[in-house]
């Protein structure tokens, strides 16, 4: 099996972070982008997303599979069956300290985004990956690339903003 044929790492990372949260006494939360493939109580969905407590005390029969995350949980005192495709999970984190991992949004979210949705903090998205031979899209990696390097990101001194007029001399640290 080569890199192109390998399975996605997302379910393995979700399981690892769930275990880390549990081992450290934290409450694992899943942030999920909801569409028709996600089975959750729709009345708790806000802005197309839902945050689910997937802690041991909050779930029954939790299964963190490679394709789906399934469990039963109480919403408003009533038990509900929950089923989330792993590809719809956009983050897993500890409620107590926010530590965890975010994942690239699902492809349908990326294709619906336009430049206006980024506001002034726009960072171009570069997709890496391609459709496989039969035309089905494989999971793509999304790399966020800042348009300028922020101060402290590298050993270089921050660049002064461009301005009209004569060019100012600047020192550059060389390592």
N, C-alpha and C. Protein backbone atom coordinates (compact mmCIF):
# COMPACT_ATOMS: atom_id res chain seq x y z
N UNK A 1 0.86 -1.18 0.00
CA UNK A 1 0.00 0.00 0.00
C UNK A 1 0.90 1.23 0.00
N UNK A 2 0.69 2.12 -0.96
CA UNK A 2 1.48 3.35 -1.00
C UNK A 2 0.69 4.50 -0.40
N UNK A 3 1.31 5.68 -0.40
CA UNK A 3 0.68 6.85 0.25
C UNK A 3 -0.65 7.22 -0.37
N UNK A 4 -0.80 7.04 -1.69
CA UNK A 4 -2.05 7.40 -2.35
C UNK A 4 -3.17 6.43 -2.01
N UNK A 5 -2.84 5.19 -1.67
CA UNK A 5 -3.85 4.18 -1.36
C UNK A 5 -4.17 4.11 0.13
N UNK A 6 -3.39 4.79 0.96
CA UNK A 6 -3.58 4.68 2.40
C UNK A 6 -4.87 5.37 2.83
N UNK A 7 -5.35 4.97 4.00
CA UNK A 7 -6.58 5.54 4.53
C UNK A 7 -6.27 6.89 5.18
N UNK A 8 -7.29 7.65 5.42
CA UNK A 8 -7.14 8.94 6.07
C UNK A 8 -6.68 8.77 7.52
N UNK A 9 -5.94 9.75 8.02
CA UNK A 9 -5.48 9.70 9.41
C UNK A 9 -6.50 10.28 10.38
N UNK A 10 -7.53 10.93 9.87
CA UNK A 10 -8.49 11.61 10.73
C UNK A 10 -9.10 10.71 11.82
N UNK A 11 -9.61 9.51 11.53
CA UNK A 11 -10.21 8.71 12.61
C UNK A 11 -9.18 8.29 13.66
N UNK A 12 -7.96 8.06 13.26
CA UNK A 12 -6.90 7.67 14.20
C UNK A 12 -6.56 8.83 15.13
N UNK A 13 -6.49 10.03 14.57
CA UNK A 13 -6.20 11.21 15.38
C UNK A 13 -7.35 11.52 16.34
N UNK A 14 -8.57 11.33 15.87
CA UNK A 14 -9.74 11.55 16.73
C UNK A 14 -9.70 10.58 17.91
N UNK A 15 -9.43 9.30 17.63
CA UNK A 15 -9.35 8.31 18.71
C UNK A 15 -8.21 8.64 19.69
N UNK A 16 -7.07 9.05 19.15
CA UNK A 16 -5.92 9.36 20.01
C UNK A 16 -6.22 10.56 20.91
N UNK A 17 -6.81 11.60 20.36
CA UNK A 17 -7.13 12.77 21.18
C UNK A 17 -8.26 12.49 22.17
N UNK A 18 -9.20 11.65 21.80
CA UNK A 18 -10.25 11.24 22.73
C UNK A 18 -9.63 10.50 23.92
N UNK A 19 -8.70 9.60 23.61
CA UNK A 19 -8.02 8.86 24.68
C UNK A 19 -7.19 9.79 25.55
N UNK A 20 -6.49 10.75 24.93
CA UNK A 20 -5.69 11.71 25.69
C UNK A 20 -6.58 12.52 26.64
N UNK A 21 -7.71 13.01 26.14
CA UNK A 21 -8.63 13.77 26.98
C UNK A 21 -9.10 12.93 28.16
N UNK A 22 -9.52 11.71 27.88
CA UNK A 22 -10.03 10.82 28.91
C UNK A 22 -8.96 10.50 29.95
N UNK A 23 -7.75 10.18 29.49
CA UNK A 23 -6.66 9.84 30.41
C UNK A 23 -6.29 11.00 31.33
N UNK A 24 -6.47 12.22 30.86
CA UNK A 24 -6.10 13.40 31.64
C UNK A 24 -7.28 14.02 32.38
N UNK A 25 -8.42 13.36 32.38
CA UNK A 25 -9.58 13.86 33.11
C UNK A 25 -10.30 15.01 32.43
N UNK A 26 -10.06 15.21 31.12
CA UNK A 26 -10.72 16.27 30.37
C UNK A 26 -11.96 15.73 29.68
N UNK A 27 -12.82 16.63 29.25
CA UNK A 27 -14.04 16.27 28.54
C UNK A 27 -13.83 16.49 27.06
N UNK A 28 -13.82 15.41 26.26
CA UNK A 28 -13.61 15.58 24.82
C UNK A 28 -14.88 16.09 24.12
N UNK A 29 -14.71 17.13 23.33
CA UNK A 29 -15.80 17.70 22.53
C UNK A 29 -15.45 17.54 21.06
N UNK A 30 -16.47 17.22 20.26
CA UNK A 30 -16.34 17.16 18.81
C UNK A 30 -17.11 18.31 18.19
N UNK A 31 -16.46 19.04 17.31
CA UNK A 31 -17.15 20.05 16.50
C UNK A 31 -17.43 19.40 15.16
N UNK A 32 -18.69 19.45 14.72
CA UNK A 32 -19.11 18.74 13.52
C UNK A 32 -19.80 19.71 12.57
N UNK A 33 -19.44 19.64 11.29
CA UNK A 33 -20.12 20.38 10.24
C UNK A 33 -21.29 19.52 9.79
N UNK A 34 -22.51 20.02 9.95
CA UNK A 34 -23.72 19.22 9.73
C UNK A 34 -24.20 19.33 8.29
N UNK A 35 -24.54 18.18 7.72
CA UNK A 35 -25.24 18.10 6.45
C UNK A 35 -26.23 16.93 6.56
N UNK A 36 -26.78 16.49 5.43
CA UNK A 36 -27.78 15.42 5.47
C UNK A 36 -27.22 14.08 5.92
N UNK A 37 -25.89 13.88 5.83
CA UNK A 37 -25.30 12.61 6.23
C UNK A 37 -25.09 12.50 7.74
N UNK A 38 -25.25 13.60 8.46
CA UNK A 38 -25.02 13.64 9.90
C UNK A 38 -26.35 13.45 10.63
N UNK A 39 -26.38 12.49 11.55
CA UNK A 39 -27.59 12.22 12.32
C UNK A 39 -27.42 12.78 13.73
N UNK A 40 -27.94 13.99 13.92
CA UNK A 40 -27.92 14.68 15.20
C UNK A 40 -29.25 15.40 15.38
N UNK A 41 -29.60 15.78 16.60
CA UNK A 41 -30.82 16.57 16.79
C UNK A 41 -30.66 17.93 16.12
N UNK A 42 -31.46 18.18 15.10
CA UNK A 42 -31.33 19.42 14.31
C UNK A 42 -31.61 20.67 15.11
N UNK A 43 -32.40 20.55 16.18
CA UNK A 43 -32.72 21.74 16.97
C UNK A 43 -31.51 22.28 17.73
N UNK A 44 -30.43 21.50 17.81
CA UNK A 44 -29.21 21.94 18.48
C UNK A 44 -28.13 22.39 17.50
N UNK A 45 -28.41 22.36 16.23
CA UNK A 45 -27.46 22.79 15.20
C UNK A 45 -27.52 24.31 15.09
N UNK A 46 -26.36 24.95 15.11
CA UNK A 46 -26.29 26.40 15.00
C UNK A 46 -25.27 26.75 13.92
N UNK A 47 -25.68 27.54 12.96
CA UNK A 47 -24.81 27.97 11.85
C UNK A 47 -24.20 26.77 11.12
N UNK A 48 -24.96 25.70 11.00
CA UNK A 48 -24.50 24.52 10.27
C UNK A 48 -23.51 23.66 11.02
N UNK A 49 -23.34 23.92 12.32
CA UNK A 49 -22.39 23.15 13.13
C UNK A 49 -23.03 22.76 14.45
N UNK A 50 -22.48 21.70 15.03
CA UNK A 50 -22.91 21.27 16.36
C UNK A 50 -21.67 20.82 17.12
N UNK A 51 -21.66 21.08 18.41
CA UNK A 51 -20.58 20.61 19.28
C UNK A 51 -21.16 19.52 20.17
N UNK A 52 -20.50 18.37 20.15
CA UNK A 52 -20.98 17.20 20.88
C UNK A 52 -20.00 16.82 21.99
N UNK A 53 -20.53 16.57 23.18
CA UNK A 53 -19.74 16.04 24.28
C UNK A 53 -19.63 14.54 24.06
N UNK A 54 -18.42 14.05 23.80
CA UNK A 54 -18.22 12.62 23.56
C UNK A 54 -17.45 11.98 24.72
N UNK A 55 -17.61 12.56 25.90
CA UNK A 55 -17.00 11.99 27.09
C UNK A 55 -17.70 10.69 27.48
N UNK A 56 -17.01 9.89 28.25
CA UNK A 56 -17.54 8.58 28.66
C UNK A 56 -18.82 8.73 29.46
N UNK A 57 -18.89 9.77 30.30
CA UNK A 57 -20.08 9.98 31.13
C UNK A 57 -21.27 10.51 30.34
N UNK A 58 -21.04 11.10 29.17
CA UNK A 58 -22.12 11.71 28.39
C UNK A 58 -22.64 10.82 27.28
N UNK A 59 -21.95 9.71 27.01
CA UNK A 59 -22.34 8.86 25.89
C UNK A 59 -22.61 7.43 26.35
N UNK A 60 -23.33 6.71 25.53
CA UNK A 60 -23.57 5.29 25.74
C UNK A 60 -23.23 4.57 24.44
N UNK A 61 -22.51 3.47 24.52
CA UNK A 61 -22.14 2.65 23.36
C UNK A 61 -21.35 3.47 22.33
N UNK A 62 -20.39 4.26 22.80
CA UNK A 62 -19.56 5.07 21.90
C UNK A 62 -18.67 4.19 21.04
N UNK A 63 -18.74 4.40 19.74
CA UNK A 63 -17.88 3.69 18.78
C UNK A 63 -17.20 4.74 17.90
N UNK A 64 -15.87 4.83 18.02
CA UNK A 64 -15.08 5.74 17.21
C UNK A 64 -14.49 4.93 16.06
N UNK A 65 -15.28 4.73 15.02
CA UNK A 65 -14.85 3.91 13.90
C UNK A 65 -14.08 4.69 12.86
N UNK A 66 -13.62 3.99 11.83
CA UNK A 66 -12.88 4.64 10.75
C UNK A 66 -13.78 5.45 9.84
N UNK A 67 -15.05 5.08 9.73
CA UNK A 67 -15.96 5.78 8.84
C UNK A 67 -16.99 6.63 9.59
N UNK A 68 -17.45 6.13 10.75
CA UNK A 68 -18.50 6.82 11.49
C UNK A 68 -18.17 6.85 12.98
N UNK A 69 -18.68 7.88 13.64
CA UNK A 69 -18.67 7.96 15.10
C UNK A 69 -20.12 7.81 15.51
N UNK A 70 -20.39 6.77 16.33
CA UNK A 70 -21.76 6.45 16.70
C UNK A 70 -21.87 6.34 18.21
N UNK A 71 -22.98 6.84 18.75
CA UNK A 71 -23.26 6.71 20.18
C UNK A 71 -24.69 7.15 20.45
N UNK A 72 -25.11 6.93 21.68
CA UNK A 72 -26.40 7.42 22.15
C UNK A 72 -26.11 8.45 23.24
N UNK A 73 -26.82 9.56 23.18
CA UNK A 73 -26.64 10.62 24.18
C UNK A 73 -28.00 11.23 24.51
N UNK A 74 -28.08 11.88 25.64
CA UNK A 74 -29.32 12.53 26.05
C UNK A 74 -29.30 14.00 25.65
N UNK A 75 -30.36 14.41 25.00
CA UNK A 75 -30.58 15.80 24.63
C UNK A 75 -31.93 16.18 25.21
N UNK A 76 -31.93 17.13 26.12
CA UNK A 76 -33.17 17.52 26.78
C UNK A 76 -33.79 16.38 27.55
N UNK A 77 -32.96 15.47 28.07
CA UNK A 77 -33.43 14.35 28.86
C UNK A 77 -33.88 13.14 28.07
N UNK A 78 -33.90 13.26 26.72
CA UNK A 78 -34.33 12.14 25.88
C UNK A 78 -33.12 11.51 25.18
N UNK A 79 -33.02 10.17 25.23
CA UNK A 79 -31.90 9.52 24.54
C UNK A 79 -32.06 9.64 23.02
N UNK A 80 -30.98 9.99 22.34
CA UNK A 80 -30.98 10.14 20.88
C UNK A 80 -29.79 9.38 20.31
N UNK A 81 -30.02 8.73 19.19
CA UNK A 81 -28.94 8.05 18.47
C UNK A 81 -28.21 9.07 17.61
N UNK A 82 -26.88 9.09 17.74
CA UNK A 82 -26.04 10.03 17.01
C UNK A 82 -25.14 9.24 16.08
N UNK A 83 -25.03 9.73 14.84
CA UNK A 83 -24.11 9.12 13.88
C UNK A 83 -23.47 10.24 13.07
N UNK A 84 -22.14 10.32 13.13
CA UNK A 84 -21.40 11.37 12.46
C UNK A 84 -20.35 10.74 11.55
N UNK A 85 -20.40 11.00 10.24
CA UNK A 85 -19.31 10.54 9.38
C UNK A 85 -18.01 11.23 9.82
N UNK A 86 -16.94 10.49 9.88
CA UNK A 86 -15.66 11.02 10.35
C UNK A 86 -15.23 12.23 9.52
N UNK A 87 -15.54 12.25 8.24
CA UNK A 87 -15.17 13.35 7.38
C UNK A 87 -15.87 14.66 7.71
N UNK A 88 -16.93 14.62 8.51
CA UNK A 88 -17.66 15.84 8.90
C UNK A 88 -17.13 16.44 10.20
N UNK A 89 -16.22 15.75 10.88
CA UNK A 89 -15.64 16.27 12.12
C UNK A 89 -14.64 17.36 11.74
N UNK A 90 -14.82 18.55 12.31
CA UNK A 90 -13.90 19.64 12.00
C UNK A 90 -12.94 19.93 13.16
N UNK A 91 -13.20 19.37 14.35
CA UNK A 91 -12.27 19.55 15.47
C UNK A 91 -12.62 18.58 16.59
N UNK A 92 -11.60 18.24 17.36
CA UNK A 92 -11.78 17.54 18.63
C UNK A 92 -10.89 18.26 19.63
N UNK A 93 -11.46 18.57 20.80
CA UNK A 93 -10.69 19.34 21.78
C UNK A 93 -11.21 19.07 23.18
N UNK A 94 -10.38 19.45 24.16
CA UNK A 94 -10.77 19.32 25.56
C UNK A 94 -11.55 20.56 25.98
N UNK A 95 -12.71 20.36 26.57
CA UNK A 95 -13.54 21.48 27.00
C UNK A 95 -12.82 22.36 28.00
N UNK A 96 -12.05 21.76 28.89
CA UNK A 96 -11.46 22.50 29.99
C UNK A 96 -10.34 23.47 29.57
N UNK A 97 -9.57 23.12 28.55
CA UNK A 97 -8.46 23.99 28.18
C UNK A 97 -8.38 24.31 26.69
N UNK A 98 -9.28 23.74 25.90
CA UNK A 98 -9.30 24.03 24.47
C UNK A 98 -8.23 23.34 23.66
N UNK A 99 -7.39 22.54 24.28
CA UNK A 99 -6.34 21.86 23.53
C UNK A 99 -6.95 20.74 22.70
N UNK A 100 -6.47 20.59 21.48
CA UNK A 100 -6.97 19.56 20.61
C UNK A 100 -6.47 19.76 19.20
N UNK A 101 -7.29 19.42 18.24
CA UNK A 101 -6.87 19.49 16.84
C UNK A 101 -8.06 19.86 15.97
N UNK A 102 -7.80 20.74 15.03
CA UNK A 102 -8.80 21.09 14.02
C UNK A 102 -8.43 20.40 12.72
N UNK A 103 -9.43 20.08 11.93
CA UNK A 103 -9.22 19.41 10.65
C UNK A 103 -9.69 20.32 9.53
N UNK A 104 -9.20 20.09 8.32
CA UNK A 104 -9.71 20.86 7.18
C UNK A 104 -11.22 20.66 7.07
N UNK A 105 -11.94 21.73 6.70
CA UNK A 105 -13.38 21.57 6.55
C UNK A 105 -13.69 20.62 5.40
N UNK A 106 -14.89 20.03 5.40
CA UNK A 106 -15.27 19.15 4.30
C UNK A 106 -15.21 19.88 2.96
N UNK A 107 -15.01 19.13 1.88
CA UNK A 107 -14.85 19.72 0.56
C UNK A 107 -16.03 20.58 0.14
N UNK A 108 -17.26 20.20 0.51
CA UNK A 108 -18.41 21.01 0.11
C UNK A 108 -18.36 22.39 0.75
N UNK A 109 -17.79 22.49 1.94
CA UNK A 109 -17.66 23.79 2.60
C UNK A 109 -16.62 24.63 1.87
N UNK A 110 -15.52 24.00 1.46
CA UNK A 110 -14.47 24.73 0.75
C UNK A 110 -14.96 25.26 -0.59
N UNK A 111 -15.75 24.48 -1.30
CA UNK A 111 -16.20 24.92 -2.61
C UNK A 111 -17.25 26.01 -2.51
N UNK A 112 -17.95 26.10 -1.37
CA UNK A 112 -18.96 27.14 -1.19
C UNK A 112 -18.38 28.44 -0.65
N UNK A 113 -17.11 28.40 -0.22
CA UNK A 113 -16.50 29.61 0.31
C UNK A 113 -16.15 30.55 -0.83
N UNK A 114 -16.27 31.83 -0.57
CA UNK A 114 -15.78 32.81 -1.53
C UNK A 114 -14.87 33.76 -0.78
N UNK A 115 -14.20 34.62 -1.51
CA UNK A 115 -13.23 35.51 -0.90
C UNK A 115 -13.85 36.41 0.16
N UNK A 116 -15.13 36.78 0.01
CA UNK A 116 -15.74 37.69 0.98
C UNK A 116 -15.91 37.04 2.34
N UNK A 117 -15.91 35.71 2.41
CA UNK A 117 -16.11 35.05 3.69
C UNK A 117 -14.85 35.10 4.56
N UNK A 118 -13.73 35.54 3.99
CA UNK A 118 -12.50 35.59 4.76
C UNK A 118 -12.29 36.93 5.44
N UNK A 119 -12.99 37.98 5.02
CA UNK A 119 -12.82 39.29 5.63
C UNK A 119 -11.43 39.84 5.41
N UNK A 120 -10.94 40.63 6.37
CA UNK A 120 -9.63 41.26 6.23
C UNK A 120 -8.50 40.31 6.55
N UNK A 121 -8.77 39.22 7.23
CA UNK A 121 -7.72 38.27 7.57
C UNK A 121 -7.63 37.17 6.53
N UNK A 122 -7.80 37.53 5.27
CA UNK A 122 -7.80 36.56 4.18
C UNK A 122 -6.45 35.86 4.06
N UNK A 123 -6.51 34.54 4.00
CA UNK A 123 -5.33 33.76 3.73
C UNK A 123 -5.70 32.80 2.62
N UNK A 124 -4.92 32.77 1.51
CA UNK A 124 -5.31 31.93 0.39
C UNK A 124 -5.26 30.46 0.76
N UNK A 125 -6.18 29.69 0.22
CA UNK A 125 -6.22 28.26 0.43
C UNK A 125 -5.56 27.58 -0.75
N UNK A 126 -4.68 26.66 -0.48
CA UNK A 126 -4.05 25.87 -1.52
C UNK A 126 -4.41 24.42 -1.26
N UNK A 127 -5.09 23.80 -2.19
CA UNK A 127 -5.47 22.41 -2.01
C UNK A 127 -4.39 21.52 -2.60
N UNK A 128 -4.03 20.48 -1.87
CA UNK A 128 -3.07 19.51 -2.32
C UNK A 128 -3.81 18.20 -2.48
N UNK A 129 -3.64 17.53 -3.58
CA UNK A 129 -4.33 16.27 -3.83
C UNK A 129 -5.07 16.35 -5.14
N UNK A 130 -5.57 15.22 -5.57
CA UNK A 130 -6.28 15.17 -6.84
C UNK A 130 -7.27 14.03 -6.81
N UNK A 131 -8.13 13.99 -7.80
CA UNK A 131 -9.07 12.89 -7.92
C UNK A 131 -8.30 11.65 -8.34
N UNK A 132 -8.72 10.50 -7.81
CA UNK A 132 -8.04 9.29 -8.25
C UNK A 132 -8.55 8.85 -9.61
N UNK A 133 -8.02 7.76 -10.11
CA UNK A 133 -8.24 7.35 -11.50
C UNK A 133 -9.72 7.19 -11.85
N UNK A 134 -10.54 6.73 -10.92
CA UNK A 134 -11.95 6.51 -11.26
C UNK A 134 -12.78 7.78 -11.08
N UNK A 135 -12.12 8.91 -10.78
CA UNK A 135 -12.83 10.18 -10.71
C UNK A 135 -13.33 10.55 -9.33
N UNK A 136 -13.23 9.64 -8.35
CA UNK A 136 -13.69 9.95 -7.00
C UNK A 136 -12.63 10.79 -6.30
N UNK A 137 -13.08 11.79 -5.58
CA UNK A 137 -12.14 12.65 -4.87
C UNK A 137 -11.63 11.93 -3.64
N UNK A 138 -10.30 12.00 -3.42
CA UNK A 138 -9.75 11.50 -2.18
C UNK A 138 -9.76 12.65 -1.19
N UNK A 139 -9.49 12.36 0.07
CA UNK A 139 -9.47 13.43 1.05
C UNK A 139 -8.32 14.36 0.72
N UNK A 140 -8.60 15.63 0.70
CA UNK A 140 -7.58 16.61 0.34
C UNK A 140 -7.05 17.29 1.59
N UNK A 141 -5.80 17.63 1.53
CA UNK A 141 -5.17 18.36 2.60
C UNK A 141 -5.26 19.83 2.26
N UNK A 142 -5.69 20.63 3.18
CA UNK A 142 -5.79 22.06 2.96
C UNK A 142 -4.68 22.73 3.74
N UNK A 143 -3.90 23.52 3.05
CA UNK A 143 -2.80 24.22 3.69
C UNK A 143 -3.12 25.70 3.70
N UNK A 144 -3.15 26.30 4.88
CA UNK A 144 -3.37 27.73 4.98
C UNK A 144 -2.01 28.41 4.90
N UNK A 145 -1.87 29.31 3.95
CA UNK A 145 -0.61 29.99 3.74
C UNK A 145 -0.82 31.48 3.96
N UNK A 146 -0.16 32.07 4.98
CA UNK A 146 -0.34 33.50 5.19
C UNK A 146 0.27 34.29 4.04
N UNK A 147 -0.32 35.43 3.75
CA UNK A 147 0.19 36.26 2.67
C UNK A 147 1.47 36.97 3.07
N UNK A 148 1.66 37.22 4.35
CA UNK A 148 2.89 37.81 4.87
C UNK A 148 3.30 37.06 6.11
N UNK A 149 4.60 36.99 6.38
CA UNK A 149 5.09 36.34 7.58
C UNK A 149 4.88 37.26 8.77
N UNK A 150 4.31 36.73 9.81
CA UNK A 150 4.07 37.52 11.01
C UNK A 150 5.37 37.69 11.79
N UNK A 151 5.55 38.79 12.50
CA UNK A 151 6.75 38.96 13.32
C UNK A 151 6.86 37.82 14.31
N UNK A 152 8.07 37.32 14.49
CA UNK A 152 8.30 36.23 15.42
C UNK A 152 8.16 34.86 14.78
N UNK A 153 7.64 34.79 13.54
CA UNK A 153 7.52 33.51 12.86
C UNK A 153 8.85 33.02 12.33
N UNK A 154 9.77 33.92 12.06
CA UNK A 154 11.08 33.53 11.58
C UNK A 154 12.11 34.41 12.26
N UNK A 155 13.36 34.15 11.99
CA UNK A 155 14.42 34.93 12.60
C UNK A 155 14.58 36.30 11.96
N UNK A 156 13.89 36.56 10.85
CA UNK A 156 14.02 37.84 10.18
C UNK A 156 13.27 38.92 10.93
N UNK A 157 13.82 40.15 10.85
CA UNK A 157 13.13 41.28 11.44
C UNK A 157 11.87 41.56 10.64
N UNK A 158 10.81 42.09 11.28
CA UNK A 158 9.59 42.38 10.53
C UNK A 158 9.86 43.44 9.46
N UNK A 159 9.19 43.28 8.33
CA UNK A 159 9.36 44.22 7.24
C UNK A 159 8.52 45.45 7.49
N UNK A 160 9.06 46.63 7.19
CA UNK A 160 8.23 47.83 7.31
C UNK A 160 7.20 47.83 6.19
N UNK A 161 6.03 48.44 6.42
CA UNK A 161 5.02 48.46 5.37
C UNK A 161 5.52 49.29 4.19
N UNK A 162 5.10 48.92 2.97
CA UNK A 162 5.53 49.69 1.81
C UNK A 162 4.96 51.09 1.88
N UNK A 163 5.73 52.04 1.42
CA UNK A 163 5.28 53.42 1.44
C UNK A 163 5.84 54.14 0.21
N UNK A 164 5.22 55.22 -0.10
CA UNK A 164 5.68 56.01 -1.24
C UNK A 164 6.87 56.84 -0.80
N UNK A 165 7.74 57.18 -1.72
CA UNK A 165 8.88 58.01 -1.40
C UNK A 165 10.17 57.22 -1.49
N UNK A 166 11.26 57.80 -1.01
CA UNK A 166 12.54 57.13 -1.14
C UNK A 166 12.58 55.86 -0.29
N UNK A 167 13.36 54.89 -0.75
CA UNK A 167 13.48 53.61 -0.07
C UNK A 167 14.29 53.76 1.21
N UNK A 168 13.79 53.21 2.32
CA UNK A 168 14.49 53.28 3.59
C UNK A 168 15.48 52.14 3.70
N UNK A 169 16.58 52.42 4.32
CA UNK A 169 17.57 51.37 4.57
C UNK A 169 17.04 50.47 5.68
N UNK A 170 17.31 49.20 5.60
CA UNK A 170 16.85 48.26 6.62
C UNK A 170 17.95 47.26 6.88
N UNK A 171 18.06 46.84 8.12
CA UNK A 171 19.00 45.80 8.49
C UNK A 171 18.30 44.46 8.48
N UNK A 172 19.02 43.45 8.05
CA UNK A 172 18.47 42.12 8.04
C UNK A 172 19.43 41.22 8.80
N UNK A 173 18.88 40.44 9.73
CA UNK A 173 19.70 39.54 10.53
C UNK A 173 20.00 38.31 9.69
N UNK A 174 21.28 37.94 9.64
CA UNK A 174 21.70 36.75 8.91
C UNK A 174 22.24 35.75 9.92
N UNK A 175 21.76 34.56 9.83
CA UNK A 175 22.18 33.53 10.80
C UNK A 175 23.30 32.73 10.25
